[in-house]
Amino acid sequence: MGIRERLAERVERLARLVPGIGSYQDKETRRDADKRLRLTLADRLDAVRKTVETVIAELQAENHFDPLARLGRLERKLYQAADSIRFASYGYSGVFDAIKIDEDKLDQLYAFDIALAESVSAVQETAENLKASSPEAMGADALEPLEQKIASFNGKLHERMALFRE
């Protein structure tokens, strides 16, 4: 499969993951599509943060205080991750400037964007599973999957941001 076919396939996959991103390959709308992608992912992370807030409130109501400090740290990490995407500098989206990019780098960019969208979906699913858990099941092991998913997302985000600094 050639580079152009891989690019088209990845853009189609990204369009399925993030509404309104179908125009991602159009040079005139890339910056806008990038912004929509980042805002969509940030909004999804904000929704996860609100889920964690709900879990915290439920635990407080049930007088289960042990996991609250860790959940508070996870909530802050989600807030920071959402802001990292939402308020990314032009260095994050510099690929969309009027400069010529080779198709291999563009292919890498689309792959990172797909990975970010899939990673946010994994964070969302893990947070929903946590919310469905009973307060008694909220031991240290119960929070580990969400911590790992958030760390994985942040790692992917930093890799993507570094892609064009090379």
N, C-alpha and C. Protein backbone atom coordinates (compact mmCIF):
# COMPACT_ATOMS: atom_id res chain seq x y z
N MET A 1 0.85 -1.17 0.00
CA MET A 1 0.00 0.00 0.00
C MET A 1 0.90 1.24 0.00
N GLY A 2 0.62 2.17 -0.89
CA GLY A 2 1.41 3.37 -1.03
C GLY A 2 1.11 4.40 0.06
N ILE A 3 1.95 5.42 0.09
CA ILE A 3 1.81 6.46 1.11
C ILE A 3 0.47 7.16 0.98
N ARG A 4 0.07 7.50 -0.23
CA ARG A 4 -1.20 8.21 -0.42
C ARG A 4 -2.38 7.36 0.05
N GLU A 5 -2.34 6.07 -0.22
CA GLU A 5 -3.43 5.19 0.22
C GLU A 5 -3.47 5.10 1.74
N ARG A 6 -2.28 5.02 2.38
CA ARG A 6 -2.22 4.97 3.84
C ARG A 6 -2.75 6.28 4.43
N LEU A 7 -2.38 7.40 3.83
CA LEU A 7 -2.87 8.69 4.31
C LEU A 7 -4.39 8.76 4.22
N ALA A 8 -4.92 8.36 3.08
CA ALA A 8 -6.37 8.41 2.89
C ALA A 8 -7.08 7.51 3.89
N GLU A 9 -6.53 6.32 4.10
CA GLU A 9 -7.12 5.39 5.06
C GLU A 9 -7.10 5.96 6.47
N ARG A 10 -6.01 6.59 6.86
CA ARG A 10 -5.90 7.16 8.20
C ARG A 10 -6.83 8.35 8.38
N VAL A 11 -6.97 9.16 7.35
CA VAL A 11 -7.88 10.31 7.45
C VAL A 11 -9.32 9.82 7.58
N GLU A 12 -9.68 8.78 6.82
CA GLU A 12 -11.02 8.22 6.93
C GLU A 12 -11.26 7.69 8.34
N ARG A 13 -10.27 7.03 8.89
CA ARG A 13 -10.38 6.49 10.25
C ARG A 13 -10.52 7.63 11.26
N LEU A 14 -9.75 8.68 11.09
CA LEU A 14 -9.83 9.84 11.97
C LEU A 14 -11.19 10.51 11.85
N ALA A 15 -11.73 10.58 10.65
CA ALA A 15 -13.04 11.20 10.43
C ALA A 15 -14.13 10.43 11.16
N ARG A 16 -13.96 9.11 11.28
CA ARG A 16 -14.95 8.32 12.01
C ARG A 16 -14.84 8.57 13.52
N LEU A 17 -13.65 8.85 14.00
CA LEU A 17 -13.42 9.03 15.43
C LEU A 17 -13.80 10.43 15.91
N VAL A 18 -13.62 11.44 15.07
CA VAL A 18 -13.87 12.83 15.47
C VAL A 18 -14.77 13.49 14.43
N PRO A 19 -16.00 13.84 14.82
CA PRO A 19 -16.91 14.48 13.87
C PRO A 19 -16.35 15.80 13.35
N GLY A 20 -16.61 16.09 12.08
CA GLY A 20 -16.20 17.36 11.50
C GLY A 20 -14.75 17.39 11.05
N ILE A 21 -14.08 16.26 11.05
CA ILE A 21 -12.67 16.25 10.72
C ILE A 21 -12.44 15.75 9.29
N GLY A 22 -13.51 15.49 8.57
CA GLY A 22 -13.41 14.94 7.23
C GLY A 22 -12.59 15.78 6.27
N SER A 23 -12.50 17.08 6.51
CA SER A 23 -11.77 17.97 5.60
C SER A 23 -10.31 18.09 5.98
N TYR A 24 -9.81 17.20 6.79
CA TYR A 24 -8.46 17.29 7.36
C TYR A 24 -7.38 17.40 6.29
N GLN A 25 -7.57 16.76 5.15
CA GLN A 25 -6.53 16.76 4.12
C GLN A 25 -6.56 18.00 3.25
N ASP A 26 -7.63 18.75 3.26
CA ASP A 26 -7.73 19.94 2.44
C ASP A 26 -6.79 21.01 3.02
N LYS A 27 -5.83 21.44 2.23
CA LYS A 27 -4.79 22.35 2.72
C LYS A 27 -5.36 23.63 3.32
N GLU A 28 -6.42 24.14 2.74
CA GLU A 28 -6.99 25.39 3.22
C GLU A 28 -7.65 25.23 4.59
N THR A 29 -8.12 24.04 4.92
CA THR A 29 -8.86 23.87 6.16
C THR A 29 -8.11 23.04 7.21
N ARG A 30 -6.86 22.74 6.97
CA ARG A 30 -6.12 21.91 7.92
C ARG A 30 -6.00 22.54 9.30
N ARG A 31 -5.69 23.82 9.36
CA ARG A 31 -5.55 24.47 10.66
C ARG A 31 -6.88 24.43 11.41
N ASP A 32 -7.98 24.70 10.73
CA ASP A 32 -9.29 24.65 11.35
C ASP A 32 -9.64 23.23 11.78
N ALA A 33 -9.34 22.25 10.95
CA ALA A 33 -9.60 20.85 11.29
C ALA A 33 -8.76 20.43 12.49
N ASP A 34 -7.51 20.89 12.54
CA ASP A 34 -6.66 20.58 13.68
C ASP A 34 -7.26 21.18 14.95
N LYS A 35 -7.74 22.39 14.87
CA LYS A 35 -8.35 23.05 16.03
C LYS A 35 -9.59 22.28 16.48
N ARG A 36 -10.44 21.87 15.53
CA ARG A 36 -11.64 21.10 15.87
C ARG A 36 -11.26 19.78 16.54
N LEU A 37 -10.24 19.13 16.02
CA LEU A 37 -9.78 17.88 16.60
C LEU A 37 -9.34 18.11 18.05
N ARG A 38 -8.50 19.13 18.25
CA ARG A 38 -8.00 19.40 19.60
C ARG A 38 -9.13 19.77 20.55
N LEU A 39 -10.08 20.58 20.10
CA LEU A 39 -11.20 20.97 20.96
C LEU A 39 -12.10 19.78 21.28
N THR A 40 -12.33 18.92 20.31
CA THR A 40 -13.14 17.73 20.54
C THR A 40 -12.49 16.82 21.57
N LEU A 41 -11.19 16.59 21.42
CA LEU A 41 -10.48 15.73 22.37
C LEU A 41 -10.47 16.37 23.76
N ALA A 42 -10.26 17.68 23.83
CA ALA A 42 -10.26 18.37 25.12
C ALA A 42 -11.64 18.29 25.77
N ASP A 43 -12.70 18.44 25.00
CA ASP A 43 -14.05 18.34 25.54
C ASP A 43 -14.32 16.93 26.07
N ARG A 44 -13.84 15.94 25.35
CA ARG A 44 -14.02 14.55 25.81
C ARG A 44 -13.26 14.31 27.11
N LEU A 45 -12.07 14.89 27.24
CA LEU A 45 -11.31 14.76 28.49
C LEU A 45 -12.01 15.51 29.62
N ASP A 46 -12.62 16.64 29.32
CA ASP A 46 -13.40 17.37 30.33
C ASP A 46 -14.57 16.51 30.82
N ALA A 47 -15.20 15.78 29.91
CA ALA A 47 -16.30 14.89 30.30
C ALA A 47 -15.79 13.78 31.23
N VAL A 48 -14.60 13.26 30.94
CA VAL A 48 -14.01 12.25 31.82
C VAL A 48 -13.74 12.85 33.19
N ARG A 49 -13.22 14.07 33.21
CA ARG A 49 -12.94 14.74 34.48
C ARG A 49 -14.23 14.90 35.29
N LYS A 50 -15.32 15.21 34.63
CA LYS A 50 -16.60 15.34 35.33
C LYS A 50 -17.07 13.98 35.87
N THR A 51 -16.77 12.92 35.14
CA THR A 51 -17.07 11.57 35.63
C THR A 51 -16.29 11.30 36.91
N VAL A 52 -15.01 11.66 36.91
CA VAL A 52 -14.18 11.48 38.11
C VAL A 52 -14.73 12.33 39.26
N GLU A 53 -15.17 13.55 38.95
CA GLU A 53 -15.77 14.41 39.98
C GLU A 53 -17.00 13.73 40.59
N THR A 54 -17.80 13.09 39.75
CA THR A 54 -18.98 12.37 40.22
C THR A 54 -18.59 11.23 41.15
N VAL A 55 -17.56 10.48 40.76
CA VAL A 55 -17.07 9.39 41.60
C VAL A 55 -16.60 9.93 42.95
N ILE A 56 -15.88 11.04 42.93
CA ILE A 56 -15.40 11.66 44.18
C ILE A 56 -16.59 12.03 45.06
N ALA A 57 -17.60 12.65 44.49
CA ALA A 57 -18.77 13.06 45.26
C ALA A 57 -19.49 11.84 45.85
N GLU A 58 -19.61 10.78 45.06
CA GLU A 58 -20.27 9.57 45.55
C GLU A 58 -19.48 8.93 46.69
N LEU A 59 -18.16 8.90 46.55
CA LEU A 59 -17.33 8.34 47.63
C LEU A 59 -17.43 9.17 48.90
N GLN A 60 -17.45 10.48 48.76
CA GLN A 60 -17.59 11.35 49.92
C GLN A 60 -18.94 11.10 50.62
N ALA A 61 -19.98 10.97 49.82
CA ALA A 61 -21.31 10.72 50.37
C ALA A 61 -21.37 9.39 51.11
N GLU A 62 -20.59 8.43 50.65
CA GLU A 62 -20.58 7.10 51.26
C GLU A 62 -19.51 6.97 52.35
N ASN A 63 -18.82 8.08 52.65
CA ASN A 63 -17.75 8.11 53.66
C ASN A 63 -16.60 7.17 53.34
N HIS A 64 -16.26 7.06 52.06
CA HIS A 64 -15.09 6.29 51.61
C HIS A 64 -14.03 7.31 51.19
N PHE A 65 -13.14 7.63 52.11
CA PHE A 65 -12.20 8.73 51.88
C PHE A 65 -10.83 8.28 51.38
N ASP A 66 -10.51 7.01 51.49
CA ASP A 66 -9.16 6.54 51.13
C ASP A 66 -8.75 6.88 49.69
N PRO A 67 -9.59 6.65 48.69
CA PRO A 67 -9.13 6.92 47.31
C PRO A 67 -9.24 8.37 46.87
N LEU A 68 -9.72 9.26 47.72
CA LEU A 68 -10.00 10.63 47.28
C LEU A 68 -8.76 11.39 46.85
N ALA A 69 -7.65 11.22 47.54
CA ALA A 69 -6.43 11.95 47.17
C ALA A 69 -5.96 11.53 45.78
N ARG A 70 -5.96 10.23 45.52
CA ARG A 70 -5.53 9.76 44.19
C ARG A 70 -6.50 10.22 43.11
N LEU A 71 -7.78 10.16 43.40
CA LEU A 71 -8.77 10.62 42.42
C LEU A 71 -8.61 12.11 42.16
N GLY A 72 -8.29 12.87 43.18
CA GLY A 72 -8.04 14.31 43.00
C GLY A 72 -6.86 14.55 42.09
N ARG A 73 -5.80 13.75 42.25
CA ARG A 73 -4.63 13.88 41.36
C ARG A 73 -5.00 13.52 39.93
N LEU A 74 -5.81 12.46 39.76
CA LEU A 74 -6.25 12.07 38.42
C LEU A 74 -7.09 13.17 37.79
N GLU A 75 -7.94 13.78 38.58
CA GLU A 75 -8.77 14.88 38.09
C GLU A 75 -7.89 16.03 37.59
N ARG A 76 -6.85 16.37 38.34
CA ARG A 76 -5.94 17.44 37.92
C ARG A 76 -5.18 17.05 36.65
N LYS A 77 -4.78 15.79 36.55
CA LYS A 77 -4.08 15.34 35.33
C LYS A 77 -4.99 15.44 34.11
N LEU A 78 -6.24 15.10 34.28
CA LEU A 78 -7.20 15.22 33.18
C LEU A 78 -7.39 16.69 32.78
N TYR A 79 -7.47 17.55 33.77
CA TYR A 79 -7.61 18.98 33.50
C TYR A 79 -6.39 19.50 32.74
N GLN A 80 -5.20 19.09 33.17
CA GLN A 80 -3.97 19.52 32.50
C GLN A 80 -3.88 18.96 31.08
N ALA A 81 -4.28 17.70 30.91
CA ALA A 81 -4.24 17.10 29.57
C ALA A 81 -5.19 17.83 28.62
N ALA A 82 -6.39 18.13 29.10
CA ALA A 82 -7.36 18.86 28.26
C ALA A 82 -6.82 20.23 27.90
N ASP A 83 -6.23 20.92 28.86
CA ASP A 83 -5.67 22.24 28.58
C ASP A 83 -4.47 22.16 27.65
N SER A 84 -3.67 21.12 27.77
CA SER A 84 -2.51 20.96 26.87
C SER A 84 -2.95 20.88 25.42
N ILE A 85 -4.06 20.22 25.19
CA ILE A 85 -4.58 20.11 23.82
C ILE A 85 -5.27 21.40 23.41
N ARG A 86 -6.14 21.87 24.28
CA ARG A 86 -6.97 23.04 23.96
C ARG A 86 -6.13 24.29 23.68
N PHE A 87 -5.09 24.52 24.48
CA PHE A 87 -4.31 25.74 24.36
C PHE A 87 -2.92 25.49 23.80
N ALA A 88 -2.80 24.48 22.96
CA ALA A 88 -1.51 24.16 22.37
C ALA A 88 -1.02 25.34 21.53
N SER A 89 0.27 25.55 21.57
CA SER A 89 0.85 26.64 20.79
C SER A 89 0.87 26.27 19.32
N TYR A 90 1.26 27.24 18.50
CA TYR A 90 1.36 26.96 17.07
C TYR A 90 2.38 25.88 16.78
N GLY A 91 3.31 25.66 17.70
CA GLY A 91 4.26 24.57 17.50
C GLY A 91 3.57 23.24 17.38
N TYR A 92 2.43 23.11 18.07
CA TYR A 92 1.65 21.88 18.02
C TYR A 92 1.01 21.71 16.65
N SER A 93 0.52 22.81 16.09
CA SER A 93 -0.15 22.71 14.81
C SER A 93 0.65 23.35 13.69
N GLY A 94 1.94 23.53 13.91
CA GLY A 94 2.78 24.18 12.92
C GLY A 94 2.84 23.45 11.60
N VAL A 95 2.48 22.17 11.63
CA VAL A 95 2.44 21.41 10.41
C VAL A 95 1.46 22.03 9.41
N PHE A 96 0.52 22.79 9.90
CA PHE A 96 -0.50 23.34 9.03
C PHE A 96 -0.14 24.72 8.49
N ASP A 97 1.04 25.21 8.81
CA ASP A 97 1.50 26.45 8.21
C ASP A 97 1.68 26.23 6.71
N ALA A 98 1.93 27.30 6.01
CA ALA A 98 2.04 27.21 4.56
C ALA A 98 3.41 26.69 4.14
N ILE A 99 3.95 25.74 4.89
CA ILE A 99 5.24 25.15 4.53
C ILE A 99 5.00 23.80 3.89
N LYS A 100 5.97 23.36 3.16
CA LYS A 100 5.85 22.06 2.50
C LYS A 100 6.28 20.97 3.48
N ILE A 101 5.45 19.95 3.60
CA ILE A 101 5.76 18.83 4.47
C ILE A 101 5.88 17.59 3.60
N ASP A 102 6.82 16.72 3.96
CA ASP A 102 6.87 15.48 3.20
C ASP A 102 5.74 14.56 3.67
N GLU A 103 5.32 13.70 2.80
CA GLU A 103 4.16 12.88 3.08
C GLU A 103 4.40 11.88 4.21
N ASP A 104 5.64 11.46 4.44
CA ASP A 104 5.92 10.57 5.56
C ASP A 104 5.59 11.24 6.88
N LYS A 105 5.97 12.52 7.03
CA LYS A 105 5.66 13.25 8.27
C LYS A 105 4.15 13.44 8.41
N LEU A 106 3.48 13.74 7.30
CA LEU A 106 2.04 13.90 7.34
C LEU A 106 1.37 12.58 7.75
N ASP A 107 1.88 11.47 7.22
CA ASP A 107 1.39 10.16 7.59
C ASP A 107 1.58 9.93 9.09
N GLN A 108 2.73 10.32 9.64
CA GLN A 108 2.98 10.19 11.07
C GLN A 108 2.01 11.04 11.87
N LEU A 109 1.75 12.25 11.39
CA LEU A 109 0.83 13.14 12.07
C LEU A 109 -0.56 12.53 12.16
N TYR A 110 -1.07 12.00 11.07
CA TYR A 110 -2.38 11.37 11.08
C TYR A 110 -2.40 10.18 12.02
N ALA A 111 -1.32 9.40 12.03
CA ALA A 111 -1.23 8.25 12.93
C ALA A 111 -1.29 8.71 14.39
N PHE A 112 -0.59 9.79 14.71
CA PHE A 112 -0.63 10.32 16.08
C PHE A 112 -2.03 10.81 16.43
N ASP A 113 -2.68 11.47 15.51
CA ASP A 113 -4.02 11.99 15.78
C ASP A 113 -5.01 10.85 16.01
N ILE A 114 -4.90 9.79 15.25
CA ILE A 114 -5.75 8.62 15.46
C ILE A 114 -5.45 8.01 16.82
N ALA A 115 -4.16 7.90 17.15
CA ALA A 115 -3.78 7.34 18.44
C ALA A 115 -4.30 8.20 19.59
N LEU A 116 -4.26 9.52 19.44
CA LEU A 116 -4.79 10.41 20.48
C LEU A 116 -6.29 10.20 20.66
N ALA A 117 -7.01 10.14 19.56
CA ALA A 117 -8.46 9.96 19.63
C ALA A 117 -8.81 8.61 20.26
N GLU A 118 -8.09 7.57 19.87
CA GLU A 118 -8.34 6.25 20.44
C GLU A 118 -7.95 6.22 21.92
N SER A 119 -6.90 6.92 22.27
CA SER A 119 -6.46 6.98 23.66
C SER A 119 -7.49 7.68 24.53
N VAL A 120 -8.08 8.76 24.03
CA VAL A 120 -9.14 9.45 24.78
C VAL A 120 -10.33 8.51 24.95
N SER A 121 -10.67 7.74 23.93
CA SER A 121 -11.77 6.77 24.06
C SER A 121 -11.47 5.75 25.15
N ALA A 122 -10.23 5.30 25.22
CA ALA A 122 -9.84 4.34 26.25
C ALA A 122 -9.93 4.96 27.65
N VAL A 123 -9.54 6.23 27.77
CA VAL A 123 -9.66 6.93 29.06
C VAL A 123 -11.13 7.03 29.44
N GLN A 124 -11.98 7.39 28.49
CA GLN A 124 -13.42 7.51 28.76
C GLN A 124 -14.00 6.18 29.24
N GLU A 125 -13.68 5.12 28.53
CA GLU A 125 -14.21 3.80 28.88
C GLU A 125 -13.75 3.37 30.27
N THR A 126 -12.50 3.61 30.58
CA THR A 126 -11.94 3.23 31.88
C THR A 126 -12.60 4.04 33.00
N ALA A 127 -12.84 5.33 32.76
CA ALA A 127 -13.51 6.16 33.77
C ALA A 127 -14.95 5.69 33.99
N GLU A 128 -15.64 5.32 32.93
CA GLU A 128 -17.01 4.82 33.08
C GLU A 128 -17.02 3.51 33.86
N ASN A 129 -16.03 2.65 33.63
CA ASN A 129 -15.94 1.40 34.40
C ASN A 129 -15.70 1.70 35.87
N LEU A 130 -14.87 2.68 36.15
CA LEU A 130 -14.59 3.09 37.52
C LEU A 130 -15.86 3.62 38.18
N LYS A 131 -16.60 4.43 37.45
CA LYS A 131 -17.85 4.99 37.98
C LYS A 131 -18.85 3.89 38.31
N ALA A 132 -18.84 2.82 37.53
CA ALA A 132 -19.78 1.72 37.75
C ALA A 132 -19.37 0.83 38.92
N SER A 133 -18.15 0.99 39.41
CA SER A 133 -17.67 0.18 40.53
C SER A 133 -18.32 0.62 41.83
N SER A 134 -18.41 -0.32 42.74
CA SER A 134 -18.95 0.02 44.06
C SER A 134 -17.89 0.77 44.87
N PRO A 135 -18.29 1.58 45.81
CA PRO A 135 -17.32 2.30 46.64
C PRO A 135 -16.34 1.35 47.36
N GLU A 136 -16.81 0.19 47.73
CA GLU A 136 -15.96 -0.78 48.41
C GLU A 136 -14.87 -1.32 47.49
N ALA A 137 -15.12 -1.30 46.19
CA ALA A 137 -14.15 -1.83 45.23
C ALA A 137 -13.13 -0.78 44.80
N MET A 138 -13.16 0.40 45.38
CA MET A 138 -12.29 1.51 44.98
C MET A 138 -10.94 1.48 45.67
N GLY A 139 -10.33 0.33 45.75
CA GLY A 139 -9.01 0.23 46.32
C GLY A 139 -7.96 0.77 45.36
N ALA A 140 -6.71 0.66 45.76
CA ALA A 140 -5.60 1.17 44.95
C ALA A 140 -5.58 0.52 43.56
N ASP A 141 -5.90 -0.77 43.50
CA ASP A 141 -5.87 -1.46 42.21
C ASP A 141 -6.94 -0.96 41.25
N ALA A 142 -8.05 -0.49 41.79
CA ALA A 142 -9.15 -0.02 40.94
C ALA A 142 -8.79 1.26 40.19
N LEU A 143 -7.91 2.08 40.76
CA LEU A 143 -7.54 3.35 40.13
C LEU A 143 -6.38 3.20 39.15
N GLU A 144 -5.65 2.12 39.25
CA GLU A 144 -4.47 1.92 38.40
C GLU A 144 -4.77 1.97 36.90
N PRO A 145 -5.83 1.30 36.41
CA PRO A 145 -6.09 1.37 34.96
C PRO A 145 -6.31 2.79 34.45
N LEU A 146 -7.05 3.60 35.20
CA LEU A 146 -7.28 4.98 34.76
C LEU A 146 -5.99 5.78 34.78
N GLU A 147 -5.18 5.59 35.81
CA GLU A 147 -3.89 6.27 35.87
C GLU A 147 -3.02 5.91 34.66
N GLN A 148 -3.03 4.62 34.31
CA GLN A 148 -2.23 4.17 33.16
C GLN A 148 -2.75 4.74 31.85
N LYS A 149 -4.05 4.79 31.68
CA LYS A 149 -4.63 5.33 30.43
C LYS A 149 -4.32 6.82 30.29
N ILE A 150 -4.40 7.56 31.39
CA ILE A 150 -4.10 8.99 31.34
C ILE A 150 -2.62 9.19 31.03
N ALA A 151 -1.75 8.41 31.66
CA ALA A 151 -0.31 8.51 31.39
C ALA A 151 -0.01 8.15 29.94
N SER A 152 -0.68 7.15 29.41
CA SER A 152 -0.48 6.76 28.01
C SER A 152 -0.90 7.89 27.07
N PHE A 153 -2.05 8.49 27.35
CA PHE A 153 -2.50 9.62 26.54
C PHE A 153 -1.48 10.75 26.56
N ASN A 154 -1.03 11.12 27.76
CA ASN A 154 -0.05 12.21 27.89
C ASN A 154 1.23 11.89 27.13
N GLY A 155 1.66 10.64 27.17
CA GLY A 155 2.85 10.23 26.42
C GLY A 155 2.66 10.41 24.92
N LYS A 156 1.51 9.99 24.41
CA LYS A 156 1.20 10.16 22.99
C LYS A 156 1.14 11.64 22.61
N LEU A 157 0.55 12.43 23.47
CA LEU A 157 0.44 13.86 23.20
C LEU A 157 1.83 14.49 23.11
N HIS A 158 2.71 14.15 24.02
CA HIS A 158 4.07 14.71 23.99
C HIS A 158 4.85 14.24 22.76
N GLU A 159 4.64 12.99 22.37
CA GLU A 159 5.30 12.49 21.16
C GLU A 159 4.82 13.26 19.93
N ARG A 160 3.52 13.50 19.87
CA ARG A 160 2.96 14.22 18.72
C ARG A 160 3.48 15.65 18.67
N MET A 161 3.58 16.28 19.85
CA MET A 161 4.05 17.65 19.90
C MET A 161 5.54 17.74 19.48
N ALA A 162 6.28 16.69 19.75
CA ALA A 162 7.71 16.66 19.42
C ALA A 162 7.96 16.27 17.98
N LEU A 163 6.95 15.78 17.28
CA LEU A 163 7.12 15.26 15.93
C LEU A 163 7.78 16.26 14.99
N PHE A 164 7.38 17.52 15.08
CA PHE A 164 7.90 18.49 14.12
C PHE A 164 8.98 19.39 14.70
N ARG A 165 9.45 19.01 15.88
CA ARG A 165 10.60 19.71 16.44
C ARG A 165 11.90 19.02 16.07
N GLU A 166 11.80 17.87 15.45
CA GLU A 166 12.99 17.10 15.06
C GLU A 166 13.78 17.81 14.00
